[in-house]
Amino acid sequence: MDTFKNILVAVDFNDTIGELMAYAESIAGKFGSKIWVVHVAEPSPDFTGYEMGPQYIRDVKAEEFRQEHRQLQEISKLFVDQDIESEALLIQGSTVETIIDEVKKLNADLLIVGTHKHGFLFNLLSENVSLELLKRADIPFLAIPIEENEEKEDKEKKDEDLG
């Protein structure tokens, strides 16, 4: 493969979205790619077999999803150059399965995700989305290491002490 026509960037709402989007924008600029910014929201209780409850709860959840979708659209506008085509998608479902499904639907050529730095024991005992995606993705995969806020603060403090 000598080109990436569609780049899927899987995001959650944290401080590292800018880092992920910078990598996506750089690659898209070189290959003339389209960037798909995808966030997977929790599945609706109806989908998972539980009753949702009164209408006002449904209305609150619907507004939360609309707000998250607006945030994704803003992220796409803020972090991606106007000359690069991009689209933001908010999809409900199980994170790993939903991203893998979207990779196929969008004919993505590259999957970009952030990955948290954790130890072996943590990864062994918890669901690691990035690791599961790596195992299941049939396309090139770019995992960007994410520093936790505490790690960033410690690094900044060390830099200040040195400088």
C-alpha atoms as a PDB file:
ATOM      1  CA  MET A   1       0.000   0.000   0.000  1.00  0.00           C
ATOM      2  CA  ASP A   2       1.474   3.335  -0.985  1.00  0.00           C
ATOM      3  CA  THR A   3      -1.283   5.655   0.190  1.00  0.00           C
ATOM      4  CA  PHE A   4      -3.744   6.198   3.007  1.00  0.00           C
ATOM      5  CA  LYS A   5      -7.052   7.415   1.551  1.00  0.00           C
ATOM      6  CA  ASN A   6      -9.054   7.187   4.794  1.00  0.00           C
ATOM      7  CA  ILE A   7      -7.610   7.650   8.265  1.00  0.00           C
ATOM      8  CA  LEU A   8      -9.769   6.743  11.245  1.00  0.00           C
ATOM      9  CA  VAL A   9      -8.802   8.455  14.507  1.00  0.00           C
ATOM     10  CA  ALA A  10     -10.512   6.896  17.526  1.00  0.00           C
ATOM     11  CA  VAL A  11     -10.807   9.479  20.310  1.00  0.00           C
ATOM     12  CA  ASP A  12     -12.157   9.774  23.780  1.00  0.00           C
ATOM     13  CA  PHE A  13     -12.609  13.149  25.408  1.00  0.00           C
ATOM     14  CA  ASN A  14      -9.314  13.812  27.134  1.00  0.00           C
ATOM     15  CA  ASP A  15      -6.367  16.182  26.842  1.00  0.00           C
ATOM     16  CA  THR A  16      -4.571  14.147  24.185  1.00  0.00           C
ATOM     17  CA  ILE A  17      -6.942  14.673  21.283  1.00  0.00           C
ATOM     18  CA  GLY A  18      -4.652  17.380  19.938  1.00  0.00           C
ATOM     19  CA  GLU A  19      -1.707  14.967  19.821  1.00  0.00           C
ATOM     20  CA  LEU A  20      -3.693  12.324  17.951  1.00  0.00           C
ATOM     21  CA  MET A  21      -5.073  14.860  15.509  1.00  0.00           C
ATOM     22  CA  ALA A  22      -1.594  16.304  14.851  1.00  0.00           C
ATOM     23  CA  TYR A  23      -0.369  12.876  13.725  1.00  0.00           C
ATOM     24  CA  ALA A  24      -3.489  12.339  11.609  1.00  0.00           C
ATOM     25  CA  GLU A  25      -3.199  15.782  10.010  1.00  0.00           C
ATOM     26  CA  SER A  26       0.475  15.255   9.189  1.00  0.00           C
ATOM     27  CA  ILE A  27      -0.178  11.924   7.485  1.00  0.00           C
ATOM     28  CA  ALA A  28      -3.331  13.162   5.733  1.00  0.00           C
ATOM     29  CA  GLY A  29      -1.452  16.186   4.406  1.00  0.00           C
ATOM     30  CA  LYS A  30       1.186  13.955   2.829  1.00  0.00           C
ATOM     31  CA  PHE A  31      -1.232  11.476   1.277  1.00  0.00           C
ATOM     32  CA  GLY A  32      -4.296  13.649   0.562  1.00  0.00           C
ATOM     33  CA  SER A  33      -6.326  11.531   2.987  1.00  0.00           C
ATOM     34  CA  LYS A  34      -9.682  12.083   4.592  1.00  0.00           C
ATOM     35  CA  ILE A  35      -9.715  12.014   8.393  1.00  0.00           C
ATOM     36  CA  TRP A  36     -12.591  10.344  10.215  1.00  0.00           C
ATOM     37  CA  VAL A  37     -12.740  11.404  13.874  1.00  0.00           C
ATOM     38  CA  VAL A  38     -14.704   8.696  15.688  1.00  0.00           C
ATOM     39  CA  HIS A  39     -15.865   8.586  19.289  1.00  0.00           C
ATOM     40  CA  VAL A  40     -17.711   5.550  20.608  1.00  0.00           C
ATOM     41  CA  ALA A  41     -20.328   6.433  23.221  1.00  0.00           C
ATOM     42  CA  GLU A  42     -21.791   3.957  25.648  1.00  0.00           C
ATOM     43  CA  PRO A  43     -24.543   1.824  24.172  1.00  0.00           C
ATOM     44  CA  SER A  44     -28.073   2.794  25.047  1.00  0.00           C
ATOM     45  CA  PRO A  45     -29.661   0.724  27.830  1.00  0.00           C
ATOM     46  CA  ASP A  46     -32.334  -0.439  25.357  1.00  0.00           C
ATOM     47  CA  PHE A  47     -29.572  -1.932  23.231  1.00  0.00           C
ATOM     48  CA  THR A  48     -28.037  -3.806  26.159  1.00  0.00           C
ATOM     49  CA  GLY A  49     -31.367  -5.202  27.348  1.00  0.00           C
ATOM     50  CA  TYR A  50     -32.173  -2.827  30.195  1.00  0.00           C
ATOM     51  CA  GLU A  51     -35.114  -0.485  30.414  1.00  0.00           C
ATOM     52  CA  MET A  52     -34.196   3.149  29.884  1.00  0.00           C
ATOM     53  CA  GLY A  53     -36.695   4.625  32.302  1.00  0.00           C
ATOM     54  CA  PRO A  54     -38.802   7.759  32.075  1.00  0.00           C
ATOM     55  CA  GLN A  55     -38.798  10.015  29.012  1.00  0.00           C
ATOM     56  CA  TYR A  56     -36.846  12.757  30.785  1.00  0.00           C
ATOM     57  CA  ILE A  57     -33.904  10.352  31.174  1.00  0.00           C
ATOM     58  CA  ARG A  58     -34.053   9.593  27.459  1.00  0.00           C
ATOM     59  CA  ASP A  59     -34.094  13.337  26.752  1.00  0.00           C
ATOM     60  CA  VAL A  60     -31.061  13.934  28.988  1.00  0.00           C
ATOM     61  CA  LYS A  61     -29.095  11.133  27.283  1.00  0.00           C
ATOM     62  CA  ALA A  62     -30.069  12.416  23.843  1.00  0.00           C
ATOM     63  CA  GLU A  63     -28.816  15.902  24.764  1.00  0.00           C
ATOM     64  CA  GLU A  64     -25.545  14.420  26.072  1.00  0.00           C
ATOM     65  CA  PHE A  65     -25.021  12.645  22.747  1.00  0.00           C
ATOM     66  CA  ARG A  66     -25.809  15.824  20.774  1.00  0.00           C
ATOM     67  CA  GLN A  67     -23.287  17.740  22.907  1.00  0.00           C
ATOM     68  CA  GLU A  68     -20.607  15.080  22.398  1.00  0.00           C
ATOM     69  CA  HIS A  69     -21.219  15.144  18.647  1.00  0.00           C
ATOM     70  CA  ARG A  70     -20.886  18.947  18.602  1.00  0.00           C
ATOM     71  CA  GLN A  71     -17.602  18.592  20.520  1.00  0.00           C
ATOM     72  CA  LEU A  72     -16.321  16.107  17.945  1.00  0.00           C
ATOM     73  CA  GLN A  73     -17.223  18.459  15.116  1.00  0.00           C
ATOM     74  CA  GLU A  74     -15.398  21.306  16.876  1.00  0.00           C
ATOM     75  CA  ILE A  75     -12.355  19.093  17.420  1.00  0.00           C
ATOM     76  CA  SER A  76     -12.326  18.272  13.732  1.00  0.00           C
ATOM     77  CA  LYS A  77     -12.487  21.980  12.809  1.00  0.00           C
ATOM     78  CA  LEU A  78      -9.978  23.065  15.461  1.00  0.00           C
ATOM     79  CA  PHE A  79      -7.266  20.473  14.948  1.00  0.00           C
ATOM     80  CA  VAL A  80      -7.483  19.693  11.221  1.00  0.00           C
ATOM     81  CA  ASP A  81      -6.330  22.069   8.495  1.00  0.00           C
ATOM     82  CA  GLN A  82      -9.196  23.359   6.344  1.00  0.00           C
ATOM     83  CA  ASP A  83      -7.545  21.924   3.243  1.00  0.00           C
ATOM     84  CA  ILE A  84      -7.890  18.402   4.651  1.00  0.00           C
ATOM     85  CA  GLU A  85     -11.277  16.739   4.411  1.00  0.00           C
ATOM     86  CA  SER A  86     -12.515  15.499   7.781  1.00  0.00           C
ATOM     87  CA  GLU A  87     -15.704  14.226   9.325  1.00  0.00           C
ATOM     88  CA  ALA A  88     -16.688  13.555  12.937  1.00  0.00           C
ATOM     89  CA  LEU A  89     -18.807  10.561  13.917  1.00  0.00           C
ATOM     90  CA  LEU A  90     -20.356   9.721  17.288  1.00  0.00           C
ATOM     91  CA  ILE A  91     -21.468   6.109  17.422  1.00  0.00           C
ATOM     92  CA  GLN A  92     -23.000   4.123  20.260  1.00  0.00           C
ATOM     93  CA  GLY A  93     -21.792   0.636  20.990  1.00  0.00           C
ATOM     94  CA  SER A  94     -19.072  -1.517  22.415  1.00  0.00           C
ATOM     95  CA  THR A  95     -15.795   0.329  21.834  1.00  0.00           C
ATOM     96  CA  VAL A  96     -13.633  -2.304  20.160  1.00  0.00           C
ATOM     97  CA  GLU A  97     -16.362  -3.895  18.035  1.00  0.00           C
ATOM     98  CA  THR A  98     -17.723  -0.517  16.958  1.00  0.00           C
ATOM     99  CA  ILE A  99     -14.321   0.807  15.891  1.00  0.00           C
ATOM    100  CA  ILE A 100     -13.547  -2.389  13.960  1.00  0.00           C
ATOM    101  CA  ASP A 101     -16.951  -2.131  12.238  1.00  0.00           C
ATOM    102  CA  GLU A 102     -16.301   1.516  11.322  1.00  0.00           C
ATOM    103  CA  VAL A 103     -12.853   0.672   9.937  1.00  0.00           C
ATOM    104  CA  LYS A 104     -14.602  -1.693   7.519  1.00  0.00           C
ATOM    105  CA  LYS A 105     -17.548   0.616   6.691  1.00  0.00           C
ATOM    106  CA  LEU A 106     -15.309   3.614   5.995  1.00  0.00           C
ATOM    107  CA  ASN A 107     -12.663   1.611   4.118  1.00  0.00           C
ATOM    108  CA  ALA A 108     -10.063   3.007   6.507  1.00  0.00           C
ATOM    109  CA  ASP A 109      -6.438   2.454   5.527  1.00  0.00           C
ATOM    110  CA  LEU A 110      -4.939   3.540   8.878  1.00  0.00           C
ATOM    111  CA  LEU A 111      -6.224   3.436  12.447  1.00  0.00           C
ATOM    112  CA  ILE A 112      -4.816   5.947  14.953  1.00  0.00           C
ATOM    113  CA  VAL A 113      -5.474   5.582  18.687  1.00  0.00           C
ATOM    114  CA  GLY A 114      -3.983   6.849  21.921  1.00  0.00           C
ATOM    115  CA  THR A 115      -2.591   4.349  24.375  1.00  0.00           C
ATOM    116  CA  HIS A 116      -2.020   4.870  28.070  1.00  0.00           C
ATOM    117  CA  LYS A 117       1.250   3.868  29.648  1.00  0.00           C
ATOM    118  CA  HIS A 118       0.493   1.193  32.218  1.00  0.00           C
ATOM    119  CA  GLY A 119       2.390  -1.685  33.688  1.00  0.00           C
ATOM    120  CA  PHE A 120       1.988  -5.339  32.825  1.00  0.00           C
ATOM    121  CA  LEU A 121      -0.243  -6.108  35.830  1.00  0.00           C
ATOM    122  CA  PHE A 122      -2.632  -3.248  35.051  1.00  0.00           C
ATOM    123  CA  ASN A 123      -2.949  -4.380  31.425  1.00  0.00           C
ATOM    124  CA  LEU A 124      -3.440  -7.962  32.512  1.00  0.00           C
ATOM    125  CA  LEU A 125      -6.305  -7.098  34.870  1.00  0.00           C
ATOM    126  CA  SER A 126      -8.091  -4.471  32.808  1.00  0.00           C
ATOM    127  CA  GLU A 127      -9.611  -4.231  29.377  1.00  0.00           C
ATOM    128  CA  ASN A 128      -7.049  -2.499  27.207  1.00  0.00           C
ATOM    129  CA  VAL A 129      -8.887  -1.085  24.191  1.00  0.00           C
ATOM    130  CA  SER A 130      -5.715  -0.239  22.260  1.00  0.00           C
ATOM    131  CA  LEU A 131      -4.334  -3.749  22.688  1.00  0.00           C
ATOM    132  CA  GLU A 132      -7.632  -5.337  21.598  1.00  0.00           C
ATOM    133  CA  LEU A 133      -7.764  -3.075  18.537  1.00  0.00           C
ATOM    134  CA  LEU A 134      -4.200  -3.990  17.646  1.00  0.00           C
ATOM    135  CA  LYS A 135      -5.113  -7.689  17.799  1.00  0.00           C
ATOM    136  CA  ARG A 136      -8.246  -7.294  15.676  1.00  0.00           C
ATOM    137  CA  ALA A 137      -7.431  -4.554  13.175  1.00  0.00           C
ATOM    138  CA  ASP A 138      -6.639  -5.722   9.649  1.00  0.00           C
ATOM    139  CA  ILE A 139      -5.057  -2.412   8.650  1.00  0.00           C
ATOM    140  CA  PRO A 140      -1.960  -0.460   9.712  1.00  0.00           C
ATOM    141  CA  PHE A 141      -2.265   0.729  13.292  1.00  0.00           C
ATOM    142  CA  LEU A 142      -0.610   3.764  14.884  1.00  0.00           C
ATOM    143  CA  ALA A 143      -0.700   3.846  18.690  1.00  0.00           C
ATOM    144  CA  ILE A 144       0.320   7.189  20.184  1.00  0.00           C
ATOM    145  CA  PRO A 145       1.607   6.952  23.783  1.00  0.00           C
ATOM    146  CA  ILE A 146      -0.398   9.191  26.081  1.00  0.00           C
ATOM    147  CA  GLU A 147       1.088  10.711  29.184  1.00  0.00           C
ATOM    148  CA  GLU A 148      -1.278  10.942  32.118  1.00  0.00           C
ATOM    149  CA  ASN A 149      -1.803  14.430  33.599  1.00  0.00           C
ATOM    150  CA  GLU A 150       0.346  13.546  36.629  1.00  0.00           C
ATOM    151  CA  GLU A 151       3.183  12.384  34.358  1.00  0.00           C
ATOM    152  CA  LYS A 152       2.959  15.632  32.351  1.00  0.00           C
ATOM    153  CA  GLU A 153       3.049  17.740  35.529  1.00  0.00           C
ATOM    154  CA  ASP A 154       6.079  15.802  36.853  1.00  0.00           C
ATOM    155  CA  LYS A 155       7.883  16.221  33.519  1.00  0.00           C
ATOM    156  CA  GLU A 156       7.098  19.956  33.392  1.00  0.00           C
ATOM    157  CA  LYS A 157       8.337  20.378  36.983  1.00  0.00           C
ATOM    158  CA  LYS A 158      11.605  18.550  36.129  1.00  0.00           C
ATOM    159  CA  ASP A 159      12.035  20.759  33.041  1.00  0.00           C
ATOM    160  CA  GLU A 160      11.523  23.881  35.170  1.00  0.00           C
ATOM    161  CA  ASP A 161      14.029  22.648  37.749  1.00  0.00           C
ATOM    162  CA  LEU A 162      16.606  22.014  35.035  1.00  0.00           C
ATOM    163  CA  GLY A 163      16.010  25.323  33.248  1.00  0.00           C
END
